[in-house]
Amino acid sequence: MENKALQTVQQAQQNKIYIQSYMVLTICNFMEELERVGRLEKQQASK
């Protein structure tokens, strides 16, 4: 029983790390997308 609880805790910690890195990636992609859209809008405006 003790072992099972420990495994569950370790699993939860791994999931937390996974979720955090996923969120960081998502935010980075989002920022890149915003930048790209911003550049497109500038190009359109300068025409």
N, C-alpha and C. Protein backbone atom coordinates (compact mmCIF):
# COMPACT_ATOMS: atom_id res chain seq x y z
N MET A 1 0.84 -1.20 0.00
CA MET A 1 0.00 0.00 0.00
C MET A 1 0.88 1.26 0.00
N GLU A 2 1.89 1.26 0.85
CA GLU A 2 2.81 2.40 0.95
C GLU A 2 3.42 2.72 -0.42
N ASN A 3 3.83 1.68 -1.13
CA ASN A 3 4.47 1.81 -2.42
C ASN A 3 3.53 2.45 -3.44
N LYS A 4 2.28 2.03 -3.40
CA LYS A 4 1.28 2.53 -4.33
C LYS A 4 1.09 4.04 -4.16
N ALA A 5 1.04 4.47 -2.91
CA ALA A 5 0.87 5.90 -2.61
C ALA A 5 2.06 6.69 -3.16
N LEU A 6 3.25 6.14 -2.98
CA LEU A 6 4.46 6.80 -3.46
C LEU A 6 4.43 6.92 -4.98
N GLN A 7 4.03 5.86 -5.64
CA GLN A 7 3.94 5.88 -7.10
C GLN A 7 2.96 6.96 -7.56
N THR A 8 1.86 7.06 -6.87
CA THR A 8 0.83 8.04 -7.23
C THR A 8 1.38 9.46 -7.10
N VAL A 9 2.12 9.69 -6.02
CA VAL A 9 2.72 11.01 -5.80
C VAL A 9 3.73 11.33 -6.91
N GLN A 10 4.58 10.36 -7.23
CA GLN A 10 5.57 10.57 -8.29
C GLN A 10 4.89 10.85 -9.62
N GLN A 11 3.84 10.11 -9.90
CA GLN A 11 3.08 10.28 -11.14
C GLN A 11 2.52 11.69 -11.21
N ALA A 12 1.97 12.14 -10.09
CA ALA A 12 1.38 13.49 -10.03
C ALA A 12 2.44 14.55 -10.29
N GLN A 13 3.63 14.36 -9.73
CA GLN A 13 4.71 15.33 -9.94
C GLN A 13 5.12 15.35 -11.41
N GLN A 14 5.20 14.19 -12.03
CA GLN A 14 5.56 14.13 -13.45
C GLN A 14 4.51 14.83 -14.29
N ASN A 15 3.25 14.59 -13.96
CA ASN A 15 2.16 15.22 -14.70
C ASN A 15 2.24 16.74 -14.58
N LYS A 16 2.59 17.21 -13.37
CA LYS A 16 2.69 18.65 -13.14
C LYS A 16 3.77 19.26 -14.04
N ILE A 17 4.91 18.57 -14.10
CA ILE A 17 6.01 19.04 -14.94
C ILE A 17 5.57 19.04 -16.41
N TYR A 18 4.89 17.98 -16.80
CA TYR A 18 4.41 17.86 -18.18
C TYR A 18 3.46 19.00 -18.52
N ILE A 19 2.53 19.26 -17.63
CA ILE A 19 1.54 20.32 -17.86
C ILE A 19 2.24 21.68 -17.93
N GLN A 20 3.21 21.91 -17.04
CA GLN A 20 3.91 23.19 -17.05
C GLN A 20 4.66 23.39 -18.35
N SER A 21 5.36 22.37 -18.83
CA SER A 21 6.11 22.55 -20.07
C SER A 21 5.15 22.71 -21.25
N TYR A 22 4.02 22.04 -21.19
CA TYR A 22 3.02 22.19 -22.24
C TYR A 22 2.50 23.63 -22.27
N MET A 23 2.24 24.19 -21.09
CA MET A 23 1.75 25.57 -21.01
C MET A 23 2.79 26.55 -21.54
N VAL A 24 4.05 26.32 -21.20
CA VAL A 24 5.13 27.20 -21.68
C VAL A 24 5.19 27.16 -23.20
N LEU A 25 5.12 25.95 -23.76
CA LEU A 25 5.14 25.80 -25.22
C LEU A 25 3.96 26.52 -25.85
N THR A 26 2.79 26.34 -25.28
CA THR A 26 1.59 26.97 -25.81
C THR A 26 1.73 28.48 -25.81
N ILE A 27 2.24 29.02 -24.71
CA ILE A 27 2.41 30.48 -24.61
C ILE A 27 3.42 30.97 -25.63
N CYS A 28 4.51 30.23 -25.80
CA CYS A 28 5.53 30.63 -26.79
C CYS A 28 4.92 30.65 -28.19
N ASN A 29 4.19 29.61 -28.54
CA ASN A 29 3.55 29.55 -29.85
C ASN A 29 2.58 30.70 -30.04
N PHE A 30 1.84 31.00 -28.98
CA PHE A 30 0.86 32.08 -29.02
C PHE A 30 1.55 33.42 -29.27
N MET A 31 2.67 33.65 -28.57
CA MET A 31 3.41 34.90 -28.74
C MET A 31 3.94 35.02 -30.17
N GLU A 32 4.47 33.93 -30.70
CA GLU A 32 4.98 33.94 -32.07
C GLU A 32 3.86 34.27 -33.04
N GLU A 33 2.71 33.68 -32.81
CA GLU A 33 1.55 33.90 -33.67
C GLU A 33 1.15 35.38 -33.62
N LEU A 34 1.11 35.94 -32.42
CA LEU A 34 0.76 37.36 -32.27
C LEU A 34 1.74 38.24 -33.04
N GLU A 35 3.03 37.92 -32.92
CA GLU A 35 4.05 38.70 -33.61
C GLU A 35 3.83 38.63 -35.12
N ARG A 36 3.55 37.43 -35.61
CA ARG A 36 3.35 37.22 -37.04
C ARG A 36 2.14 38.03 -37.51
N VAL A 37 1.07 37.97 -36.77
CA VAL A 37 -0.15 38.71 -37.12
C VAL A 37 0.14 40.22 -37.10
N GLY A 38 0.90 40.66 -36.10
CA GLY A 38 1.26 42.06 -35.99
C GLY A 38 2.05 42.53 -37.21
N ARG A 39 2.98 41.69 -37.67
CA ARG A 39 3.78 42.04 -38.86
C ARG A 39 2.88 42.12 -40.08
N LEU A 40 1.98 41.16 -40.21
CA LEU A 40 1.07 41.16 -41.35
C LEU A 40 0.24 42.44 -41.37
N GLU A 41 -0.25 42.83 -40.20
CA GLU A 41 -1.08 44.04 -40.12
C GLU A 41 -0.28 45.27 -40.50
N LYS A 42 0.99 45.30 -40.10
CA LYS A 42 1.85 46.44 -40.45
C LYS A 42 2.04 46.50 -41.96
N GLN A 43 2.25 45.33 -42.58
CA GLN A 43 2.44 45.28 -44.03
C GLN A 43 1.19 45.80 -44.74
N GLN A 44 0.05 45.35 -44.27
CA GLN A 44 -1.23 45.77 -44.87
C GLN A 44 -1.39 47.28 -44.74
N ALA A 45 -1.06 47.81 -43.57
CA ALA A 45 -1.24 49.24 -43.30
C ALA A 45 -0.31 50.08 -44.17
N SER A 46 0.88 49.58 -44.44
CA SER A 46 1.86 50.37 -45.19
C SER A 46 1.57 50.39 -46.70
N LYS A 47 0.67 49.53 -47.13
CA LYS A 47 0.35 49.49 -48.57
C LYS A 47 -0.47 50.70 -48.97
